[in-house]
Amino acid sequence: GKNQVSIKENTHSSKFTGDLNLLLDFSEDGNCTVSGISSIKTGTEVTIDYPVTGNGTFINDGDAWGGSKRDAIHLKYQFTDGINTYSATDTLVIRDRGVVMEAFEPVVIN
């Protein structure tokens, strides 16, 4: 729907590798729930999928990038592999909006 965003994050850990496939489901007040699947591989073990849960908030002008105020999404989420629970805090900064395709035609000058 219009109030959902899916993102794929890579894990950066010395304990495991894999992807976090997150679904952000926003309410009208800018808060969101985080759900999804983490496809994690530990060492030479088989890749196993674990559920991801959490929450977040959309904030107008919540951060800055390149000296300009930018909208941001602040996230806190976690998943467990049955033994350990892993937690993450992320900030997604919305850098560009209204980006459109521009087509250029080269001109040959003799």
C-alpha atoms as a PDB file:
ATOM      1  CA  GLY A   1       0.000   0.000   0.000  1.00  0.00           C
ATOM      2  CA  LYS A   2       0.859   3.658  -0.056  1.00  0.00           C
ATOM      3  CA  ASN A   3       1.829   3.566   3.616  1.00  0.00           C
ATOM      4  CA  GLN A   4       4.311   0.706   3.265  1.00  0.00           C
ATOM      5  CA  VAL A   5       7.977   0.683   2.361  1.00  0.00           C
ATOM      6  CA  SER A   6      10.159  -2.379   1.868  1.00  0.00           C
ATOM      7  CA  ILE A   7      13.917  -2.125   2.250  1.00  0.00           C
ATOM      8  CA  LYS A   8      16.767  -4.596   2.083  1.00  0.00           C
ATOM      9  CA  GLU A   9      19.652  -4.075   4.483  1.00  0.00           C
ATOM     10  CA  ASN A  10      22.945  -5.939   4.571  1.00  0.00           C
ATOM     11  CA  THR A  11      24.231  -7.047   7.948  1.00  0.00           C
ATOM     12  CA  HIS A  12      27.636  -5.792   9.021  1.00  0.00           C
ATOM     13  CA  SER A  13      28.723  -8.214  11.726  1.00  0.00           C
ATOM     14  CA  SER A  14      31.710 -10.395  12.481  1.00  0.00           C
ATOM     15  CA  LYS A  15      29.329 -13.075  13.852  1.00  0.00           C
ATOM     16  CA  PHE A  16      27.045 -13.560  10.834  1.00  0.00           C
ATOM     17  CA  THR A  17      26.331 -12.421   7.287  1.00  0.00           C
ATOM     18  CA  GLY A  18      23.095 -12.022   5.412  1.00  0.00           C
ATOM     19  CA  ASP A  19      20.249  -9.731   4.501  1.00  0.00           C
ATOM     20  CA  LEU A  20      17.464  -8.106   6.443  1.00  0.00           C
ATOM     21  CA  ASN A  21      14.315  -7.755   4.353  1.00  0.00           C
ATOM     22  CA  LEU A  22      12.278  -5.184   6.243  1.00  0.00           C
ATOM     23  CA  LEU A  23       8.704  -4.005   5.746  1.00  0.00           C
ATOM     24  CA  LEU A  24       7.834  -0.630   7.284  1.00  0.00           C
ATOM     25  CA  ASP A  25       4.089  -0.185   7.790  1.00  0.00           C
ATOM     26  CA  PHE A  26       3.223   3.466   8.589  1.00  0.00           C
ATOM     27  CA  SER A  27       0.209   4.818  10.443  1.00  0.00           C
ATOM     28  CA  GLU A  28      -1.231   8.295   9.834  1.00  0.00           C
ATOM     29  CA  ASP A  29       0.751   9.768  12.759  1.00  0.00           C
ATOM     30  CA  GLY A  30       4.131   8.849  11.187  1.00  0.00           C
ATOM     31  CA  ASN A  31       4.880   5.892  13.444  1.00  0.00           C
ATOM     32  CA  CYS A  32       5.631   2.530  11.871  1.00  0.00           C
ATOM     33  CA  THR A  33       5.927  -1.114  12.738  1.00  0.00           C
ATOM     34  CA  VAL A  34       8.897  -3.038  11.405  1.00  0.00           C
ATOM     35  CA  SER A  35       8.444  -6.625  10.307  1.00  0.00           C
ATOM     36  CA  GLY A  36      10.241  -8.913   7.936  1.00  0.00           C
ATOM     37  CA  ILE A  37      12.643 -11.766   7.536  1.00  0.00           C
ATOM     38  CA  SER A  38      16.376 -11.926   8.209  1.00  0.00           C
ATOM     39  CA  SER A  39      18.234 -14.443   6.059  1.00  0.00           C
ATOM     40  CA  ILE A  40      21.309 -15.003   8.204  1.00  0.00           C
ATOM     41  CA  LYS A  41      24.297 -17.287   7.729  1.00  0.00           C
ATOM     42  CA  THR A  42      26.622 -17.934  10.671  1.00  0.00           C
ATOM     43  CA  GLY A  43      30.023 -19.309   9.691  1.00  0.00           C
ATOM     44  CA  THR A  44      29.556 -22.342   7.453  1.00  0.00           C
ATOM     45  CA  GLU A  45      26.044 -22.985   8.760  1.00  0.00           C
ATOM     46  CA  VAL A  46      23.049 -23.134   6.455  1.00  0.00           C
ATOM     47  CA  THR A  47      21.220 -19.845   5.895  1.00  0.00           C
ATOM     48  CA  ILE A  48      18.182 -19.646   8.166  1.00  0.00           C
ATOM     49  CA  ASP A  49      15.320 -17.147   8.064  1.00  0.00           C
ATOM     50  CA  TYR A  50      14.352 -15.424  11.323  1.00  0.00           C
ATOM     51  CA  PRO A  51      11.479 -12.976  11.861  1.00  0.00           C
ATOM     52  CA  VAL A  52      12.325  -9.304  12.450  1.00  0.00           C
ATOM     53  CA  THR A  53      10.201  -7.059  14.704  1.00  0.00           C
ATOM     54  CA  GLY A  54      10.435  -3.441  15.775  1.00  0.00           C
ATOM     55  CA  ASN A  55       9.133   0.079  15.387  1.00  0.00           C
ATOM     56  CA  GLY A  56      10.071   3.461  14.018  1.00  0.00           C
ATOM     57  CA  THR A  57       9.080   7.062  13.420  1.00  0.00           C
ATOM     58  CA  PHE A  58       9.031   9.358  10.375  1.00  0.00           C
ATOM     59  CA  ILE A  59      10.336  12.834  11.320  1.00  0.00           C
ATOM     60  CA  ASN A  60      10.044  15.920   9.092  1.00  0.00           C
ATOM     61  CA  ASP A  61      13.457  17.642   8.919  1.00  0.00           C
ATOM     62  CA  GLY A  62      14.700  15.027  11.396  1.00  0.00           C
ATOM     63  CA  ASP A  63      18.299  14.984  10.135  1.00  0.00           C
ATOM     64  CA  ALA A  64      20.698  16.816   7.845  1.00  0.00           C
ATOM     65  CA  TRP A  65      22.617  15.718   4.752  1.00  0.00           C
ATOM     66  CA  GLY A  66      24.915  17.973   2.772  1.00  0.00           C
ATOM     67  CA  GLY A  67      24.096  20.933   4.991  1.00  0.00           C
ATOM     68  CA  SER A  68      20.351  20.691   4.274  1.00  0.00           C
ATOM     69  CA  LYS A  69      17.538  19.561   6.539  1.00  0.00           C
ATOM     70  CA  ARG A  70      16.150  16.185   5.418  1.00  0.00           C
ATOM     71  CA  ASP A  71      13.230  14.015   6.436  1.00  0.00           C
ATOM     72  CA  ALA A  72      14.282  10.885   8.298  1.00  0.00           C
ATOM     73  CA  ILE A  73      12.973   7.557   9.498  1.00  0.00           C
ATOM     74  CA  HIS A  74      14.373   6.384  12.839  1.00  0.00           C
ATOM     75  CA  LEU A  75      14.119   2.603  13.353  1.00  0.00           C
ATOM     76  CA  LYS A  76      14.686   0.183  16.237  1.00  0.00           C
ATOM     77  CA  TYR A  77      14.336  -3.502  15.401  1.00  0.00           C
ATOM     78  CA  GLN A  78      15.531  -6.901  16.531  1.00  0.00           C
ATOM     79  CA  PHE A  79      15.611 -10.578  15.649  1.00  0.00           C
ATOM     80  CA  THR A  80      16.628 -13.719  17.488  1.00  0.00           C
ATOM     81  CA  ASP A  81      18.338 -16.837  16.197  1.00  0.00           C
ATOM     82  CA  GLY A  82      16.880 -18.937  19.012  1.00  0.00           C
ATOM     83  CA  ILE A  83      19.911 -18.353  21.226  1.00  0.00           C
ATOM     84  CA  ASN A  84      20.934 -14.711  20.837  1.00  0.00           C
ATOM     85  CA  THR A  85      18.857 -11.592  20.247  1.00  0.00           C
ATOM     86  CA  TYR A  86      20.334  -9.001  17.892  1.00  0.00           C
ATOM     87  CA  SER A  87      19.215  -5.367  18.036  1.00  0.00           C
ATOM     88  CA  ALA A  88      19.740  -2.502  15.629  1.00  0.00           C
ATOM     89  CA  THR A  89      19.066   1.216  15.602  1.00  0.00           C
ATOM     90  CA  ASP A  90      19.006   2.759  12.124  1.00  0.00           C
ATOM     91  CA  THR A  91      18.371   6.184  10.661  1.00  0.00           C
ATOM     92  CA  LEU A  92      17.214   6.397   7.053  1.00  0.00           C
ATOM     93  CA  VAL A  93      17.691   9.896   5.628  1.00  0.00           C
ATOM     94  CA  ILE A  94      15.494  10.833   2.687  1.00  0.00           C
ATOM     95  CA  ARG A  95      17.903  12.710   0.461  1.00  0.00           C
ATOM     96  CA  ASP A  96      16.075  13.304  -2.817  1.00  0.00           C
ATOM     97  CA  ARG A  97      12.444  13.650  -3.805  1.00  0.00           C
ATOM     98  CA  GLY A  98      10.788  14.336  -7.094  1.00  0.00           C
ATOM     99  CA  VAL A  99      13.621  12.815  -9.092  1.00  0.00           C
ATOM    100  CA  VAL A 100      12.568  12.391 -12.706  1.00  0.00           C
ATOM    101  CA  MET A 101      14.225  10.798 -15.696  1.00  0.00           C
ATOM    102  CA  GLU A 102      15.942  13.160 -18.098  1.00  0.00           C
ATOM    103  CA  ALA A 103      16.737  12.008 -21.628  1.00  0.00           C
ATOM    104  CA  PHE A 104      19.553  13.630 -23.560  1.00  0.00           C
ATOM    105  CA  GLU A 105      20.295  13.365 -27.256  1.00  0.00           C
ATOM    106  CA  PRO A 106      23.931  13.772 -28.236  1.00  0.00           C
ATOM    107  CA  VAL A 107      24.734  16.164 -31.049  1.00  0.00           C
ATOM    108  CA  VAL A 108      27.578  15.290 -33.409  1.00  0.00           C
ATOM    109  CA  ILE A 109      29.603  18.348 -34.404  1.00  0.00           C
ATOM    110  CA  ASN A 110      31.757  17.927 -37.498  1.00  0.00           C
END
